[in-house]
């Protein structure tokens, strides 16, 4: 079964299946015998890999409860761009490498997102997956390969160390005071390194707020309480603006990367 857990991502980040899809799962497997092997595909992991980064599904445990009676369940996920395995009873979980970009291992960097690694090690952290059905075997044979054929451990460690160094340098620069850069308007928000900067801004009623994407990946601005129209997908150097006429608080997030959150405070 193929499940969609990225359609209604909320600020803060976990994937979600929703009531309609959960009901469908129950109906879809109701007539099957417990000896039927089940294979589940979803984007975000159905188990809690690292909730602080949105790496999990808020109603994943409920979905999996409908599959407990089956003797063999294989769950295949992406999203975190690295291989992790877990077994709970008769359920085997597998996440996969990506051919796009690596992400840091849980909690080893300030935030999730594309991780820079030494050029010579890039193919060590990109990869593909093969899944084989062997009739005499109870479980599917899931085999992951890096594009280089080497272990990804050293490349991940190098990328994570570089990310920590960049974060420390950015913190030192912030502590030293503002950099000598062109001043920005009070309503300007930069998107960089998977964060909104400033995270909270205060503007007067009637002001324009403008987001500028300085990341090398796309983002999409969405109001948490639907108080303004969501942006289109903003590629690198993309710009989006809204006029806010009423006072109040306007929390928002990136609907592509929901761990990215910000807030606008509008005063009279």
Protein backbone atom coordinates (compact mmCIF):
# COMPACT_ATOMS: atom_id res chain seq x y z
CA UNK A 1 0.00 0.00 0.00
CA UNK A 2 1.17 3.49 -0.81
CA UNK A 3 0.47 6.15 1.82
CA UNK A 4 0.74 9.95 1.64
CA UNK A 5 1.95 11.58 4.86
CA UNK A 6 3.28 14.87 3.46
CA UNK A 7 0.09 16.47 2.12
CA UNK A 8 -0.96 18.28 5.30
CA UNK A 9 2.35 19.02 7.00
CA UNK A 10 1.96 21.37 9.96
CA UNK A 11 4.35 23.84 11.53
CA UNK A 12 6.89 22.01 13.63
CA UNK A 13 6.92 19.19 11.30
CA UNK A 14 5.72 15.60 11.72
CA UNK A 15 4.13 13.77 8.82
CA UNK A 16 0.41 13.05 9.02
CA UNK A 17 -1.92 10.51 7.40
CA UNK A 18 -5.29 11.85 8.55
CA UNK A 19 -8.60 10.19 9.41
CA UNK A 20 -9.67 9.45 5.82
CA UNK A 21 -6.47 7.58 4.99
CA UNK A 22 -6.50 5.68 8.29
CA UNK A 23 -10.03 4.48 7.57
CA UNK A 24 -8.92 3.41 4.09
CA UNK A 25 -6.10 1.29 5.57
CA UNK A 26 -8.56 -0.53 7.80
CA UNK A 27 -10.90 -1.25 4.89
CA UNK A 28 -8.12 -2.24 2.52
CA UNK A 29 -6.69 -5.00 4.73
CA UNK A 30 -9.90 -6.18 6.39
CA UNK A 31 -10.49 -9.04 3.94
CA UNK A 32 -6.87 -10.26 3.88
CA UNK A 33 -5.62 -13.31 5.75
CA UNK A 34 -2.96 -12.77 8.42
CA UNK A 35 -0.45 -14.71 6.31
CA UNK A 36 -0.57 -12.08 3.53
CA UNK A 37 2.77 -10.23 3.28
CA UNK A 38 2.27 -6.46 3.43
CA UNK A 39 4.57 -3.82 1.92
CA UNK A 40 3.99 -0.18 2.88
CA UNK A 41 5.46 2.83 1.06
CA UNK A 42 5.40 6.35 2.52
CA UNK A 43 7.63 9.41 2.27
CA UNK A 44 8.20 10.39 5.92
CA UNK A 45 9.10 7.48 8.23
CA UNK A 46 6.11 5.90 9.97
CA UNK A 47 8.19 5.43 13.11
CA UNK A 48 9.66 8.19 15.26
CA UNK A 49 13.23 8.55 14.01
CA UNK A 50 13.77 12.07 15.39
CA UNK A 51 10.59 14.08 16.10
CA UNK A 52 12.53 17.29 16.86
CA UNK A 53 13.37 17.45 13.14
CA UNK A 54 9.93 16.27 11.99
CA UNK A 55 11.30 12.81 11.22
CA UNK A 56 8.23 10.78 12.10
CA UNK A 57 4.46 10.56 11.52
CA UNK A 58 2.09 11.74 14.23
CA UNK A 59 -0.51 9.04 13.55
CA UNK A 60 1.91 6.42 12.26
CA UNK A 61 1.51 4.18 15.32
CA UNK A 62 -2.26 4.05 14.78
CA UNK A 63 -1.80 3.10 11.13
CA UNK A 64 0.62 0.33 12.07
CA UNK A 65 -1.77 -1.00 14.72
CA UNK A 66 -4.06 -2.11 11.88
CA UNK A 67 -1.25 -4.27 10.50
CA UNK A 68 -0.14 -6.02 13.70
CA UNK A 69 -2.01 -9.22 12.90
CA UNK A 70 -0.02 -9.82 9.72
CA UNK A 71 2.98 -12.13 9.83
CA UNK A 72 5.23 -10.05 7.59
CA UNK A 73 5.10 -6.26 7.19
CA UNK A 74 7.83 -4.27 5.42
CA UNK A 75 7.74 -0.46 5.67
CA UNK A 76 9.86 1.54 3.19
CA UNK A 77 10.44 5.27 3.72
CA UNK A 78 12.62 8.07 2.39
CA UNK A 79 12.78 11.71 3.56
CA UNK A 80 15.82 11.48 5.86
CA UNK A 81 18.24 10.47 3.06
CA UNK A 82 20.11 7.82 5.04
CA UNK A 83 19.72 4.14 5.84
CA UNK A 84 18.21 3.14 9.15
CA UNK A 85 16.52 -0.12 10.08
CA UNK A 86 14.26 -1.12 12.91
CA UNK A 87 12.23 -4.25 13.72
CA UNK A 88 9.14 -4.28 15.93
CA UNK A 89 7.52 -7.70 16.11
CA UNK A 90 6.71 -8.68 12.53
CA UNK A 91 7.20 -5.14 11.17
CA UNK A 92 10.53 -4.23 9.52
CA UNK A 93 11.25 -0.53 8.91
CA UNK A 94 13.77 0.70 6.34
CA UNK A 95 14.74 4.26 5.39
CA UNK A 96 16.85 4.92 2.29
CA UNK A 97 19.69 6.98 0.92
CA UNK A 98 18.90 9.55 -1.76
CA UNK A 99 20.45 10.36 -5.13
CA UNK A 100 19.80 14.08 -4.49
CA UNK A 101 21.73 15.13 -1.36
CA UNK A 102 22.69 13.75 2.06
CA UNK A 103 21.19 14.90 5.35
CA UNK A 104 22.96 14.74 8.73
CA UNK A 105 22.30 11.91 11.13
CA UNK A 106 19.68 12.72 13.81
CA UNK A 107 20.82 15.40 16.25
CA UNK A 108 24.35 15.71 14.85
CA UNK A 109 23.83 19.14 13.24
CA UNK A 110 21.93 22.31 14.14
CA UNK A 111 19.09 21.39 11.76
CA UNK A 112 18.12 18.97 9.00
CA UNK A 113 18.71 19.86 5.39
CA UNK A 114 21.27 19.37 2.62
CA UNK A 115 24.64 18.50 4.14
CA UNK A 116 27.87 19.55 2.44
CA UNK A 117 30.52 16.86 2.35
CA UNK A 118 33.99 16.83 0.75
CA UNK A 119 33.57 16.52 -3.02
CA UNK A 120 35.53 13.30 -3.14
CA UNK A 121 33.16 11.69 -0.64
CA UNK A 122 29.84 12.77 -2.12
CA UNK A 123 29.15 9.44 -3.81
CA UNK A 124 29.70 7.76 -0.43
CA UNK A 125 26.49 9.32 0.95
CA UNK A 126 24.26 9.01 -2.14
CA UNK A 127 22.75 5.68 -3.00
CA UNK A 128 20.01 3.41 -4.28
CA UNK A 129 17.94 0.57 -2.86
CA UNK A 130 17.06 -2.81 -4.29
CA UNK A 131 14.20 -4.91 -2.93
CA UNK A 132 14.09 -8.60 -3.83
CA UNK A 133 11.25 -11.05 -3.29
CA UNK A 134 12.58 -14.51 -2.58
CA UNK A 135 9.72 -17.05 -2.39
CA UNK A 136 11.46 -19.27 0.17
CA UNK A 137 12.19 -16.35 2.50
CA UNK A 138 9.70 -14.92 4.95
CA UNK A 139 10.90 -11.34 4.53
CA UNK A 140 11.84 -9.18 1.56
CA UNK A 141 15.55 -8.79 0.86
CA UNK A 142 16.27 -5.05 1.13
CA UNK A 143 19.75 -4.09 -0.09
CA UNK A 144 21.18 -0.55 -0.05
CA UNK A 145 24.17 0.58 -2.10
CA UNK A 146 26.09 3.84 -2.03
CA UNK A 147 26.97 5.12 -5.50
CA UNK A 148 30.66 4.61 -4.69
CA UNK A 149 30.29 1.22 -3.05
CA UNK A 150 32.04 2.59 0.07
CA UNK A 151 30.64 2.86 3.59
CA UNK A 152 28.95 6.25 4.20
CA UNK A 153 30.17 6.59 7.80
CA UNK A 154 33.30 8.69 7.16
CA UNK A 155 31.50 11.01 4.73
CA UNK A 156 28.64 11.59 7.15
CA UNK A 157 31.08 12.37 9.96
CA UNK A 158 32.96 14.88 7.77
CA UNK A 159 29.78 16.64 6.70
CA UNK A 160 28.42 16.84 10.23
CA UNK A 161 31.71 18.23 11.57
CA UNK A 162 31.68 20.91 8.87
CA UNK A 163 28.07 21.82 9.71
CA UNK A 164 28.92 22.23 13.40
CA UNK A 165 31.91 24.41 12.51
CA UNK A 166 29.75 26.65 10.31
CA UNK A 167 27.14 26.96 13.07
CA UNK A 168 29.81 27.88 15.61
CA UNK A 169 31.27 30.48 13.24
CA UNK A 170 27.82 31.94 12.64
CA UNK A 171 27.23 32.14 16.40
CA UNK A 172 30.55 33.93 16.92
CA UNK A 173 29.72 36.41 14.18
CA UNK A 174 26.32 37.09 15.73
CA UNK A 175 27.86 37.62 19.16
CA UNK A 176 30.38 40.06 17.68
CA UNK A 177 27.63 42.22 16.25
CA UNK A 178 26.00 42.79 12.87
CA UNK A 179 28.12 42.08 9.83
CA UNK A 180 29.06 44.84 7.43
CA UNK A 181 26.30 44.15 4.94
CA UNK A 182 23.68 46.21 3.23
CA UNK A 183 20.97 47.14 5.73
CA UNK A 184 17.62 45.41 5.32
CA UNK A 185 14.16 46.87 5.71
CA UNK A 186 12.29 46.19 8.99
CA UNK A 187 9.98 43.78 7.18
CA UNK A 188 12.69 41.74 5.45
CA UNK A 189 13.18 38.09 6.36
CA UNK A 190 16.07 36.08 4.94
CA UNK A 191 15.78 32.32 4.41
CA UNK A 192 19.21 30.79 4.91
CA UNK A 193 20.60 27.51 6.23
CA UNK A 194 17.06 26.20 6.74
CA UNK A 195 16.02 29.04 9.07
CA UNK A 196 14.15 32.33 8.96
CA UNK A 197 16.25 35.32 9.99
CA UNK A 198 15.08 37.11 12.01
CA UNK A 199 12.84 34.36 13.35
CA UNK A 200 10.46 36.97 14.82
CA UNK A 201 9.96 40.45 13.41
CA UNK A 202 7.79 43.35 14.55
CA UNK A 203 6.29 45.76 12.03
CA UNK A 204 3.55 48.37 12.08
CA UNK A 205 0.11 47.80 10.56
CA UNK A 206 0.10 48.34 6.82
CA UNK A 207 3.71 47.23 6.40
CA UNK A 208 5.01 44.88 3.75
CA UNK A 209 6.88 41.74 4.83
CA UNK A 210 9.27 40.23 2.29
CA UNK A 211 11.00 36.84 2.36
CA UNK A 212 14.15 36.26 0.30
CA UNK A 213 15.37 32.72 -0.26
CA UNK A 214 19.16 32.60 0.04
CA UNK A 215 19.25 28.81 0.43
CA UNK A 216 20.16 26.52 -2.45
CA UNK A 217 16.93 24.54 -2.02
CA UNK A 218 13.30 25.65 -2.47
CA UNK A 219 11.02 26.80 0.35
CA UNK A 220 7.35 27.75 0.61
CA UNK A 221 5.90 30.23 3.11
CA UNK A 222 2.59 29.29 4.71
CA UNK A 223 0.59 31.03 7.44
CA UNK A 224 -0.06 28.73 10.40
CA UNK A 225 -3.52 30.25 10.95
CA UNK A 226 -4.26 31.05 7.28
CA UNK A 227 -4.09 34.80 7.80
CA UNK A 228 -2.29 35.40 4.53
CA UNK A 229 -1.99 33.66 1.18
CA UNK A 230 0.77 31.03 0.93
CA UNK A 231 3.69 31.76 -1.34
CA UNK A 232 4.54 29.83 -4.48
CA UNK A 233 7.54 27.54 -4.17
CA UNK A 234 10.53 29.88 -3.84
CA UNK A 235 13.65 28.72 -5.61
CA UNK A 236 17.08 30.18 -4.78
CA UNK A 237 16.88 34.02 -4.90
CA UNK A 238 13.08 33.78 -4.94
CA UNK A 239 11.17 36.63 -3.26
CA UNK A 240 7.68 36.75 -1.76
CA UNK A 241 5.86 39.65 -0.08
CA UNK A 242 2.60 40.17 1.81
CA UNK A 243 0.91 43.35 3.07
CA UNK A 244 -0.35 43.03 6.66
CA UNK A 245 -2.95 45.64 7.51
CA UNK A 246 -4.32 44.35 10.83
CA UNK A 247 -2.49 44.19 14.13
CA UNK A 248 -1.85 40.82 15.75
CA UNK A 249 0.49 37.84 15.54
CA UNK A 250 1.10 35.99 12.28
CA UNK A 251 2.95 32.71 12.88
CA UNK A 252 4.14 30.92 9.74
CA UNK A 253 6.29 28.00 8.59
CA UNK A 254 7.83 26.42 5.51
CA UNK A 255 5.35 23.86 4.19
CA UNK A 256 8.20 21.94 2.52
CA UNK A 257 10.36 21.88 5.68
CA UNK A 258 7.90 22.34 8.58
CA UNK A 259 10.61 22.46 11.24
CA UNK A 260 11.29 25.97 9.92
CA UNK A 261 8.99 28.36 11.81
CA UNK A 262 8.78 32.11 12.23
CA UNK A 263 6.45 34.83 13.47
CA UNK A 264 5.42 38.34 12.49
CA UNK A 265 4.08 40.72 15.15
CA UNK A 266 2.04 43.59 13.71
CA UNK A 267 1.44 46.61 15.94
CA UNK A 268 -0.70 49.71 15.44
